[in-house]
Protein backbone atom coordinates (compact mmCIF):
# COMPACT_ATOMS: atom_id res chain seq x y z
CA UNK A 1 12.50 -3.16 -5.24
CA UNK A 2 13.00 -3.54 -8.95
CA UNK A 3 10.65 -1.18 -10.81
CA UNK A 4 10.52 -3.66 -13.71
CA UNK A 5 9.01 -6.48 -11.65
CA UNK A 6 5.37 -7.31 -12.24
CA UNK A 7 3.08 -5.98 -9.54
CA UNK A 8 -0.02 -7.88 -8.47
CA UNK A 9 -2.92 -5.65 -7.49
CA UNK A 10 -5.26 -6.35 -4.61
CA UNK A 11 -7.54 -9.23 -5.67
CA UNK A 12 -10.71 -7.51 -4.42
CA UNK A 13 -12.45 -6.34 -7.60
CA UNK A 14 -13.42 -2.81 -6.55
CA UNK A 15 -9.97 -2.19 -5.04
CA UNK A 16 -8.25 -3.45 -8.21
CA UNK A 17 -10.43 -1.12 -10.30
CA UNK A 18 -9.54 1.78 -8.01
CA UNK A 19 -5.82 0.98 -8.31
CA UNK A 20 -5.96 0.78 -12.12
CA UNK A 21 -7.72 4.16 -12.32
CA UNK A 22 -5.21 5.68 -9.88
CA UNK A 23 -2.18 4.40 -11.83
CA UNK A 24 -3.57 5.30 -15.26
CA UNK A 25 -4.35 8.89 -14.21
CA UNK A 26 -1.30 9.47 -11.95
CA UNK A 27 -3.70 9.77 -9.05
CA UNK A 28 -5.91 12.32 -10.81
CA UNK A 29 -8.72 9.78 -10.53
CA UNK A 30 -8.48 7.77 -7.37
CA UNK A 31 -6.50 9.94 -4.97
CA UNK A 32 -9.78 11.25 -3.58
CA UNK A 33 -11.86 8.12 -3.09
CA UNK A 34 -15.35 8.69 -1.69
CA UNK A 35 -14.03 11.87 -0.09
CA UNK A 36 -10.94 10.27 1.49
CA UNK A 37 -7.30 10.75 0.42
CA UNK A 38 -5.74 7.50 -0.77
CA UNK A 39 -2.29 6.34 -1.69
CA UNK A 40 -1.01 3.16 -3.29
CA UNK A 41 1.42 0.99 -1.37
CA UNK A 42 3.43 -1.88 -2.83
CA UNK A 43 4.89 -4.48 -0.50
CA UNK A 44 6.92 -7.61 -1.12
CA UNK A 45 4.97 -10.79 -0.33
CA UNK A 46 6.53 -12.44 2.69
CA UNK A 47 5.74 -15.94 1.37
CA UNK A 48 5.89 -15.52 -2.42
CA UNK A 49 8.35 -12.68 -2.85
CA UNK A 50 5.92 -11.13 -5.36
CA UNK A 51 5.15 -7.41 -5.35
CA UNK A 52 1.64 -6.67 -4.03
CA UNK A 53 -0.15 -3.33 -4.38
CA UNK A 54 -3.18 -1.98 -2.58
CA UNK A 55 -4.90 1.36 -1.99
CA UNK A 56 -5.15 2.85 1.50
CA UNK A 57 -6.55 5.95 3.14
CA UNK A 58 -3.70 8.08 4.47
CA UNK A 59 -2.86 11.05 6.63
CA UNK A 60 0.23 13.24 6.92
CA UNK A 61 2.49 13.68 9.92
CA UNK A 62 5.08 16.20 8.81
CA UNK A 63 6.94 14.60 5.89
CA UNK A 64 5.69 11.13 6.83
CA UNK A 65 2.57 9.33 5.66
CA UNK A 66 0.32 7.42 8.05
CA UNK A 67 -1.93 4.47 7.23
CA UNK A 68 -4.02 2.10 9.34
CA UNK A 69 -3.93 -1.70 9.12
CA UNK A 70 -7.62 -2.05 9.94
CA UNK A 71 -8.74 -4.88 7.64
CA UNK A 72 -12.19 -3.69 8.63
CA UNK A 73 -12.65 -5.15 12.09
CA UNK A 74 -11.27 -8.57 11.12
CA UNK A 75 -9.52 -10.71 13.70
CA UNK A 76 -6.27 -10.71 11.71
CA UNK A 77 -4.14 -7.93 10.30
CA UNK A 78 -4.26 -7.39 6.54
CA UNK A 79 -1.71 -9.21 4.38
CA UNK A 80 -0.06 -5.95 3.31
CA UNK A 81 0.76 -5.24 6.96
CA UNK A 82 2.31 -8.69 7.51
CA UNK A 83 4.32 -8.15 4.33
CA UNK A 84 5.77 -4.80 5.44
CA UNK A 85 6.61 -6.14 8.88
CA UNK A 86 8.69 -8.84 7.13
CA UNK A 87 10.16 -6.36 4.58
CA UNK A 88 9.78 -2.71 5.63
CA UNK A 89 10.97 -1.16 2.36
CA UNK A 90 7.86 -0.31 0.37
CA UNK A 91 6.92 1.64 -2.73
CA UNK A 92 4.34 4.39 -2.42
CA UNK A 93 2.41 6.48 -4.91
CA UNK A 94 0.64 9.66 -3.78
CA UNK A 95 -1.05 11.30 -6.74
CA UNK A 96 1.70 11.35 -9.43
CA UNK A 97 4.58 11.16 -6.93
CA UNK A 98 6.23 7.75 -6.59
CA UNK A 99 8.87 7.00 -3.96
CA UNK A 100 10.29 4.31 -1.72
CA UNK A 101 9.69 4.49 2.00
CA UNK A 102 10.57 2.69 5.20
CA UNK A 103 7.50 1.39 6.98
CA UNK A 104 7.21 0.85 10.71
CA UNK A 105 4.45 0.34 13.23
CA UNK A 106 3.86 3.42 15.37
CA UNK A 107 5.32 3.17 18.87
CA UNK A 108 3.06 3.02 21.91
CA UNK A 109 3.94 6.67 22.54
CA UNK A 110 3.08 7.87 19.02
CA UNK A 111 0.09 5.66 18.37
CA UNK A 112 -2.62 7.63 20.27
CA UNK A 113 -1.82 10.89 18.45
CA UNK A 114 -1.59 9.19 15.06
CA UNK A 115 -4.77 7.19 15.70
CA UNK A 116 -6.60 10.43 16.46
CA UNK A 117 -5.23 11.92 13.23
CA UNK A 118 -6.45 8.96 11.17
CA UNK A 119 -9.84 8.63 12.90
CA UNK A 120 -10.33 12.33 12.16
CA UNK A 121 -9.89 11.53 8.46
CA UNK A 122 -11.87 8.27 8.46
CA UNK A 123 -14.14 8.02 11.54
CA UNK A 124 -15.00 4.36 10.81
CA UNK A 125 -11.58 3.45 12.25
CA UNK A 126 -13.03 4.05 15.73
CA UNK A 127 -15.92 1.71 14.91
CA UNK A 128 -13.49 -0.93 13.64
CA UNK A 129 -11.37 -0.58 16.78
CA UNK A 130 -14.40 -1.12 19.01
CA UNK A 131 -15.23 -4.36 17.15
CA UNK A 132 -11.78 -5.79 16.41
CA UNK A 133 -10.37 -8.43 18.78
CA UNK A 134 -6.89 -6.91 18.32
CA UNK A 135 -5.23 -3.55 18.54
CA UNK A 136 -5.26 -2.16 15.00
CA UNK A 137 -1.76 -1.14 13.93
CA UNK A 138 -0.95 2.37 12.81
CA UNK A 139 1.85 2.43 10.24
CA UNK A 140 4.28 5.23 9.48
CA UNK A 141 5.74 5.50 5.98
CA UNK A 142 8.95 7.55 5.96
CA UNK A 143 10.06 8.48 2.44
CA UNK A 144 13.72 7.87 1.58
């Protein structure tokens, strides 16, 4: 990913505001969002090729980062997830640290443990899972 390319932030107003604060403060404002740790992830749009950035709650699994493609309890996965499935190289910002990572969906063997990790951080994931008509993906971000 070319660091000079323009990045389009999540179009949801409150998320875009959160992202701008996060970027401007190197995560000093925004990493802890309503008591939850957040990171910024930038994916390449699978249809447009444009860079897309959003903020996500995350957990740690050793040197890897874990995020959940909940999209609330919507019937479809979020666009960022579809983008990283099509192009698994992503950019990540955690506080002031910026790095590239390889993204993959957790295997059936790893998913239960990682789901428990993430639901421990953000208990609403269990509520979303009970309502969603799909299995919510858990995504592993492995820094390069």
